[in-house]
Amino acid sequence: MIRAAIRQDINALVALESRAFETDRLSRRSFRRMIDKAHADLLVACENDVLAGYVLVLYHRGTQLARLYSIAVDTDFRGKGIGGRLLEAGEAAAVERGCVFMRLEIRDDNSAAAALYQQAGYEPFDSIAHYYEDDADALRMEKSLGRHLKPAISRVPHYAQTTEFTCGPAALMMAMRALDESIPLDRKLELRLWRESTTIFMTSGHGGCGPYGLALGAAHRGFDVEVFVSEPAALFVDTVRSEEKKEVIRLVHEDMAEEIARRGIPVSFEPATLETLEAAHDAGGIALVLISSWQLYREKFPHWVVITGFDDRFVYTHDPYIDSEEGKTLLDASDMPIRRDTFANMARYGRNAQRAALIIRKAQ
């Protein structure tokens, strides 16, 4: 029998985890959180009222992406097909939640597991160096839970932001690196771009970088860039109470706008449609889009993401933020499939539905 885990299973789960894995074990606290409040499905297989195995599937809000975080079968019950049934149950739970892709990572030296997952329809698509506690590399695998779907993804390297306020610079770095392999992906550039791009003043403003500053950061490094904003004024300045701080933010914004005009960077005071962004992607451009994080993280703050691809149903994005406190890893933040209508609703912020997007291209 396979059922949802309950708190009374925790002792057995911890004991199984200890027997099944030598490193990277889930703790008692983690199992409790997965049962009580995590955005996850923890399923257990029982034989004669004895816990024989479990599967843990994590979800990323606002996306159609699931991650097979862990699966284990006790040694006394191996060879009975329990692992396969748990995998099928985990996939079925993901489909029930509307997910269309399942991802996982395994040690790249675990050829037996790789063969097992490939037989189940998973395909390798990437690797991560030094991923595990013992410094072993990880192999990333993916399965489409809707067989007709095939993502059209241009591989953009992922870079995770290292501060709460540098999603914009991290997103810009990913886009630039996709177009020019000489662009470094390191914290020095991340913070330099933030200094160049931010309109924040004394913790006022939207807490990060606006479209004009990021556009100039790309232009200073030799890229062509196109800007789409919903209005000429500085974004989110109406959320700042102090008139003095508002004035400083306006002046910084005006200075950036003047340099953008001098450089001849095209600016459109209208939203970039998905059709516009997809056409730019097909022509080799990389788009950065400002979204509201509510549907992803249940917190209201403006957040930059990078579009990595499109298909008939989904927009694929790299999110520079990795919510490690919720058990998320690079696997959850890369090429996230988001329904096209959901993404269109995400790509606006605040009461005034302010919008911003950039398209970065190689210089002509």
Protein backbone atom coordinates (compact mmCIF):
# COMPACT_ATOMS: atom_id res chain seq x y z
CA MET A 1 0.00 0.00 0.00
CA ILE A 2 1.24 3.50 -0.83
CA ARG A 3 -0.17 6.43 1.12
CA ALA A 4 0.70 9.93 2.28
CA ALA A 5 3.17 10.02 5.19
CA ILE A 6 1.94 11.08 8.62
CA ARG A 7 3.78 12.23 11.73
CA GLN A 8 3.61 8.74 13.21
CA ASP A 9 5.90 7.58 10.35
CA ILE A 10 8.77 9.90 11.25
CA ASN A 11 10.71 7.45 13.48
CA ALA A 12 10.57 4.78 10.78
CA LEU A 13 11.52 7.29 8.08
CA VAL A 14 14.57 8.48 10.02
CA ALA A 15 15.66 4.89 10.62
CA LEU A 16 15.23 4.02 6.93
CA GLU A 17 17.15 7.14 5.89
CA SER A 18 20.06 6.13 8.14
CA ARG A 19 20.22 2.64 6.62
CA ALA A 20 19.76 3.76 3.02
CA PHE A 21 22.21 6.67 2.75
CA GLU A 22 25.68 7.36 4.11
CA THR A 23 25.62 11.12 3.37
CA ASP A 24 23.10 13.86 2.47
CA ARG A 25 20.47 12.38 4.76
CA LEU A 26 17.15 14.02 5.52
CA SER A 27 16.85 14.94 9.20
CA ARG A 28 13.95 14.32 11.55
CA ARG A 29 13.17 18.03 11.34
CA SER A 30 13.13 17.87 7.53
CA PHE A 31 10.72 14.93 7.48
CA ARG A 32 8.42 16.75 9.90
CA ARG A 33 8.46 19.88 7.74
CA MET A 34 7.77 17.88 4.58
CA ILE A 35 4.73 16.31 6.24
CA ASP A 36 3.39 19.44 7.92
CA LYS A 37 3.97 22.43 5.70
CA ALA A 38 6.33 21.98 2.76
CA HIS A 39 5.06 22.34 -0.81
CA ALA A 40 5.70 18.63 -1.33
CA ASP A 41 4.32 15.09 -1.43
CA LEU A 42 5.91 12.55 0.92
CA LEU A 43 4.52 9.09 0.17
CA VAL A 44 5.34 5.85 1.97
CA ALA A 45 5.02 2.21 0.94
CA CYS A 46 3.88 -0.18 3.67
CA GLU A 47 4.03 -3.97 3.73
CA ASN A 48 2.11 -5.63 6.57
CA ASP A 49 2.07 -2.31 8.45
CA VAL A 50 5.88 -2.00 8.15
CA LEU A 51 7.30 1.05 6.36
CA ALA A 52 9.18 -0.38 3.39
CA GLY A 53 10.11 2.76 1.49
CA TYR A 54 9.27 6.35 0.65
CA VAL A 55 9.35 8.87 -2.16
CA LEU A 56 9.61 12.64 -1.70
CA VAL A 57 8.55 15.02 -4.47
CA LEU A 58 9.04 18.79 -4.16
CA TYR A 59 7.16 21.45 -6.12
CA HIS A 60 7.93 25.00 -7.16
CA ARG A 61 4.91 27.30 -6.82
CA GLY A 62 3.78 29.04 -9.97
CA THR A 63 5.51 26.51 -12.23
CA GLN A 64 4.66 23.11 -13.67
CA LEU A 65 7.92 21.66 -12.39
CA ALA A 66 8.32 18.82 -9.87
CA ARG A 67 11.53 17.43 -8.41
CA LEU A 68 12.07 13.88 -7.25
CA TYR A 69 14.05 14.83 -4.18
CA SER A 70 14.59 11.38 -2.68
CA ILE A 71 13.45 7.78 -2.95
CA ALA A 72 14.47 4.87 -0.73
CA VAL A 73 13.49 1.23 -0.17
CA ASP A 74 14.53 -0.68 2.94
CA THR A 75 16.97 -3.53 2.32
CA ASP A 76 14.50 -6.13 3.59
CA PHE A 77 12.01 -5.18 0.87
CA ARG A 78 14.22 -4.75 -2.17
CA GLY A 79 13.64 -6.81 -5.27
CA LYS A 80 9.85 -6.63 -4.92
CA GLY A 81 9.21 -3.73 -7.29
CA ILE A 82 8.49 -1.27 -4.49
CA GLY A 83 10.90 1.33 -5.84
CA GLY A 84 9.17 1.32 -9.23
CA ARG A 85 5.74 1.64 -7.64
CA LEU A 86 6.93 4.53 -5.48
CA LEU A 87 8.35 6.28 -8.54
CA GLU A 88 5.04 5.84 -10.39
CA ALA A 89 3.14 7.12 -7.35
CA GLY A 90 5.39 10.18 -7.13
CA GLU A 91 4.87 10.94 -10.82
CA ALA A 92 1.12 10.50 -10.45
CA ALA A 93 1.10 12.92 -7.51
CA ALA A 94 3.00 15.46 -9.62
CA VAL A 95 0.54 15.09 -12.50
CA GLU A 96 -2.33 15.54 -10.04
CA ARG A 97 -0.82 18.90 -9.09
CA GLY A 98 -0.62 19.93 -12.75
CA CYS A 99 3.10 19.34 -13.24
CA VAL A 100 4.39 18.32 -16.65
CA PHE A 101 8.09 17.83 -15.89
CA MET A 102 9.86 15.81 -13.22
CA ARG A 103 13.53 16.36 -12.52
CA LEU A 104 16.04 14.61 -10.31
CA GLU A 105 19.73 14.45 -9.60
CA ILE A 106 21.86 11.41 -8.84
CA ARG A 107 25.56 10.80 -8.34
CA ASP A 108 27.21 10.63 -11.73
CA ASP A 109 29.04 7.47 -10.66
CA ASN A 110 25.76 5.67 -9.85
CA SER A 111 25.36 3.90 -13.18
CA ALA A 112 22.75 1.47 -11.81
CA ALA A 113 20.44 4.31 -10.74
CA ALA A 114 21.01 6.15 -14.02
CA ALA A 115 20.03 3.02 -15.98
CA LEU A 116 16.94 2.53 -13.81
CA TYR A 117 15.74 6.08 -14.34
CA GLN A 118 16.47 5.97 -18.06
CA GLN A 119 14.31 2.84 -18.31
CA ALA A 120 11.56 4.87 -16.62
CA GLY A 121 11.83 7.59 -19.26
CA TYR A 122 14.27 10.05 -17.65
CA GLU A 123 16.94 11.60 -19.84
CA PRO A 124 20.21 13.21 -18.68
CA PHE A 125 20.52 16.87 -19.59
CA ASP A 126 23.20 18.43 -17.37
CA SER A 127 25.71 17.82 -14.59
CA ILE A 128 26.75 19.71 -11.46
CA ALA A 129 30.34 19.54 -10.24
CA HIS A 130 31.04 18.87 -6.53
CA TYR A 131 27.33 18.65 -5.70
CA TYR A 132 27.31 16.15 -2.85
CA GLU A 133 28.79 16.33 0.66
CA ASP A 134 31.68 14.06 -0.36
CA ASP A 135 32.41 16.32 -3.39
CA ALA A 136 30.92 13.89 -5.92
CA ASP A 137 29.37 15.30 -9.10
CA ALA A 138 25.65 15.10 -9.81
CA LEU A 139 23.91 14.04 -13.01
CA ARG A 140 20.67 15.90 -13.72
CA MET A 141 17.82 14.03 -15.40
CA GLU A 142 14.36 15.03 -16.59
CA LYS A 143 11.16 13.34 -17.72
CA SER A 144 8.18 14.86 -19.49
CA LEU A 145 5.01 13.80 -17.71
CA GLY A 146 3.02 14.97 -20.75
CA ARG A 147 4.51 12.97 -23.58
CA HIS A 148 3.52 15.40 -26.32
CA LEU A 149 5.51 18.24 -24.75
CA LYS A 150 9.00 19.08 -25.91
CA PRO A 151 10.66 22.21 -24.49
CA ALA A 152 12.43 24.54 -26.89
CA ILE A 153 15.14 25.72 -24.54
CA SER A 154 18.29 27.60 -25.44
CA ARG A 155 20.77 26.66 -22.76
CA VAL A 156 21.50 29.75 -20.69
CA PRO A 157 23.97 29.16 -17.84
CA HIS A 158 22.48 29.61 -14.39
CA TYR A 159 23.95 31.97 -11.81
CA ALA A 160 22.41 32.21 -8.35
CA GLN A 161 22.20 35.64 -6.74
CA THR A 162 24.33 35.87 -3.60
CA THR A 163 22.41 38.68 -1.87
CA GLU A 164 18.74 39.48 -1.38
CA PHE A 165 18.96 42.51 -3.67
CA THR A 166 20.98 41.33 -6.70
CA CYS A 167 18.43 39.35 -8.73
CA GLY A 168 18.78 41.92 -11.55
CA PRO A 169 22.57 41.73 -11.86
CA ALA A 170 22.47 37.93 -11.60
CA ALA A 171 19.85 37.75 -14.35
CA LEU A 172 21.84 40.12 -16.55
CA MET A 173 25.00 38.08 -16.03
CA MET A 174 23.22 34.92 -17.21
CA ALA A 175 21.99 36.67 -20.35
CA MET A 176 25.37 38.19 -21.17
CA ARG A 177 27.21 34.92 -20.55
CA ALA A 178 24.82 33.10 -22.91
CA LEU A 179 25.87 35.54 -25.62
CA ASP A 180 29.55 35.88 -24.71
CA GLU A 181 31.47 33.12 -22.90
CA SER A 182 34.12 35.61 -21.74
CA ILE A 183 31.65 37.23 -19.31
CA PRO A 184 32.54 36.00 -15.81
CA LEU A 185 29.93 34.56 -13.49
CA ASP A 186 31.27 35.71 -10.16
CA ARG A 187 30.31 37.82 -7.20
CA LYS A 188 32.63 40.68 -8.12
CA LEU A 189 30.73 41.34 -11.34
CA GLU A 190 27.40 40.78 -9.58
CA LEU A 191 28.10 43.54 -7.05
CA ARG A 192 29.67 45.84 -9.62
CA LEU A 193 26.54 45.62 -11.76
CA TRP A 194 24.40 46.30 -8.72
CA ARG A 195 26.38 49.47 -7.93
CA GLU A 196 26.00 50.61 -11.53
CA SER A 197 22.33 49.76 -11.85
CA THR A 198 20.52 50.45 -8.61
CA THR A 199 18.30 53.43 -7.88
CA ILE A 200 17.99 52.50 -4.21
CA PHE A 201 18.66 55.26 -1.67
CA MET A 202 18.97 54.67 2.08
CA THR A 203 16.96 51.41 1.83
CA SER A 204 14.21 53.17 -0.14
CA GLY A 205 12.97 52.20 -3.55
CA HIS A 206 12.17 48.71 -4.81
CA GLY A 207 15.28 47.22 -3.23
CA GLY A 208 17.20 46.37 -6.37
CA CYS A 209 17.99 47.40 -9.92
CA GLY A 210 15.69 49.04 -12.41
CA PRO A 211 15.53 48.43 -16.17
CA TYR A 212 17.48 51.55 -17.13
CA GLY A 213 20.42 50.71 -14.88
CA LEU A 214 20.58 47.12 -16.09
CA ALA A 215 20.30 48.25 -19.71
CA LEU A 216 23.28 50.53 -19.21
CA GLY A 217 25.20 47.74 -17.50
CA ALA A 218 24.75 45.62 -20.63
CA ALA A 219 25.56 48.50 -22.98
CA HIS A 220 28.76 49.35 -21.09
CA ARG A 221 29.91 45.78 -21.78
CA GLY A 222 29.30 45.95 -25.51
CA PHE A 223 25.86 44.41 -25.88
CA ASP A 224 22.89 45.75 -27.80
CA VAL A 225 19.89 46.18 -25.55
CA GLU A 226 16.24 47.12 -25.95
CA VAL A 227 14.10 48.39 -23.09
CA PHE A 228 10.36 47.96 -22.51
CA VAL A 229 8.78 49.85 -19.61
CA SER A 230 5.20 50.75 -18.80
CA GLU A 231 6.00 54.41 -18.05
CA PRO A 232 8.90 56.89 -18.30
CA ALA A 233 9.08 57.60 -14.55
CA ALA A 234 11.21 55.66 -12.06
CA LEU A 235 9.48 52.45 -11.07
CA PHE A 236 7.92 52.10 -7.62
CA VAL A 237 8.92 55.57 -6.47
CA ASP A 238 5.37 55.99 -5.16
CA THR A 239 6.14 53.42 -2.45
CA VAL A 240 8.73 55.77 -0.90
CA ARG A 241 7.34 58.12 1.76
CA SER A 242 10.19 60.60 2.15
CA GLU A 243 10.11 63.40 -0.42
CA GLU A 244 13.88 63.84 -0.10
CA LYS A 245 14.49 60.18 -0.92
CA LYS A 246 11.99 60.32 -3.78
CA GLU A 247 13.90 63.27 -5.25
CA VAL A 248 17.23 61.42 -5.09
CA ILE A 249 15.71 58.36 -6.77
CA ARG A 250 14.18 60.56 -9.49
CA LEU A 251 17.51 62.27 -10.15
CA VAL A 252 19.36 58.97 -10.45
CA HIS A 253 16.66 57.71 -12.81
CA GLU A 254 16.79 60.89 -14.92
CA ASP A 255 20.57 60.64 -15.20
CA MET A 256 20.26 57.05 -16.43
CA ALA A 257 17.51 58.03 -18.88
CA GLU A 258 19.72 60.78 -20.32
CA GLU A 259 22.61 58.37 -20.87
CA ILE A 260 20.27 55.85 -22.49
CA ALA A 261 19.11 58.59 -24.87
CA ARG A 262 22.73 59.61 -25.67
CA ARG A 263 23.63 56.00 -26.44
CA GLY A 264 20.57 55.58 -28.66
CA ILE A 265 19.24 52.62 -26.69
CA PRO A 266 15.67 52.01 -27.88
CA VAL A 267 13.01 52.38 -25.20
CA SER A 268 9.36 51.41 -25.69
CA PHE A 269 6.83 52.75 -23.19
CA GLU A 270 4.57 49.75 -23.54
CA PRO A 271 4.69 46.19 -22.23
CA ALA A 272 6.71 43.60 -24.11
CA THR A 273 4.23 40.94 -25.21
CA LEU A 274 5.08 37.25 -25.08
CA GLU A 275 5.02 37.28 -28.86
CA THR A 276 7.66 40.03 -28.90
CA LEU A 277 9.84 38.20 -26.40
CA GLU A 278 9.51 34.88 -28.21
CA ALA A 279 10.41 36.44 -31.56
CA ALA A 280 13.48 38.02 -29.98
CA HIS A 281 14.44 34.66 -28.45
CA ASP A 282 14.08 32.91 -31.80
CA ALA A 283 16.37 35.54 -33.33
CA GLY A 284 19.09 34.95 -30.72
CA GLY A 285 18.22 37.54 -28.05
CA ILE A 286 17.90 36.86 -24.33
CA ALA A 287 15.07 38.52 -22.36
CA LEU A 288 15.07 39.67 -18.74
CA VAL A 289 11.60 40.25 -17.29
CA LEU A 290 10.55 41.89 -14.05
CA ILE A 291 7.89 39.81 -12.30
CA SER A 292 5.95 39.82 -9.07
CA SER A 293 7.24 37.03 -6.85
CA TRP A 294 3.85 36.35 -5.24
CA GLN A 295 2.93 33.28 -7.27
CA LEU A 296 6.40 31.77 -6.77
CA TYR A 297 7.16 32.61 -3.14
CA ARG A 298 3.99 34.06 -1.60
CA GLU A 299 5.89 37.28 -0.98
CA LYS A 300 5.26 40.54 -2.78
CA PHE A 301 8.48 41.93 -4.17
CA PRO A 302 9.67 42.76 -7.70
CA HIS A 303 12.03 40.14 -9.06
CA TRP A 304 14.07 39.70 -12.26
CA VAL A 305 14.15 36.40 -14.14
CA VAL A 306 15.70 35.28 -17.44
CA ILE A 307 13.69 33.64 -20.21
CA THR A 308 15.47 30.54 -21.51
CA GLY A 309 12.90 29.21 -23.97
CA PHE A 310 9.32 28.82 -25.17
CA ASP A 311 7.00 26.13 -26.38
CA ASP A 312 3.29 26.08 -27.19
CA ARG A 313 2.23 25.97 -23.53
CA PHE A 314 5.12 27.27 -21.43
CA VAL A 315 7.65 30.00 -20.89
CA TYR A 316 10.89 28.61 -19.44
CA THR A 317 12.87 30.76 -17.03
CA HIS A 318 16.01 30.78 -14.91
CA ASP A 319 15.31 32.22 -11.47
CA PRO A 320 18.45 33.68 -9.84
CA TYR A 321 16.92 33.08 -6.39
CA ILE A 322 17.27 29.57 -4.92
CA ASP A 323 15.12 29.10 -1.82
CA SER A 324 17.45 26.75 0.05
CA GLU A 325 15.40 27.02 3.24
CA GLU A 326 12.61 25.20 1.40
CA GLY A 327 14.96 22.50 0.13
CA LYS A 328 15.31 24.05 -3.31
CA THR A 329 18.46 23.61 -5.39
CA LEU A 330 19.73 24.67 -8.80
CA LEU A 331 17.49 21.97 -10.29
CA ASP A 332 14.38 23.85 -9.15
CA ALA A 333 15.50 27.28 -10.35
CA SER A 334 16.67 26.34 -13.86
CA ASP A 335 14.47 26.31 -16.98
CA MET A 336 11.31 26.50 -14.86
CA PRO A 337 8.21 25.76 -17.00
CA ILE A 338 5.55 28.41 -16.35
CA ARG A 339 2.24 28.42 -18.20
CA ARG A 340 2.11 31.23 -20.72
CA ASP A 341 -0.99 32.82 -19.18
CA THR A 342 0.49 32.50 -15.68
CA PHE A 343 3.71 34.17 -16.80
CA ALA A 344 1.80 37.02 -18.44
CA ASN A 345 0.07 37.65 -15.10
CA MET A 346 3.37 37.44 -13.22
CA ALA A 347 5.06 40.00 -15.45
CA ARG A 348 3.58 43.01 -13.70
CA TYR A 349 4.01 44.50 -10.27
CA GLY A 350 2.08 46.65 -7.84
CA ARG A 351 -1.28 48.34 -7.88
CA ASN A 352 -0.44 50.13 -11.12
CA ALA A 353 0.64 46.89 -12.85
CA GLN A 354 4.05 48.35 -13.70
CA ARG A 355 6.05 46.32 -16.20
CA ALA A 356 9.63 46.15 -17.38
CA ALA A 357 11.64 43.90 -19.69
CA LEU A 358 14.99 43.97 -21.47
CA ILE A 359 16.18 42.15 -24.55
CA ILE A 360 19.94 41.61 -24.68
CA ARG A 361 21.62 40.87 -28.01
CA LYS A 362 25.11 40.55 -29.41
CA ALA A 363 26.37 43.84 -30.79
CA GLN A 364 25.79 44.28 -34.50
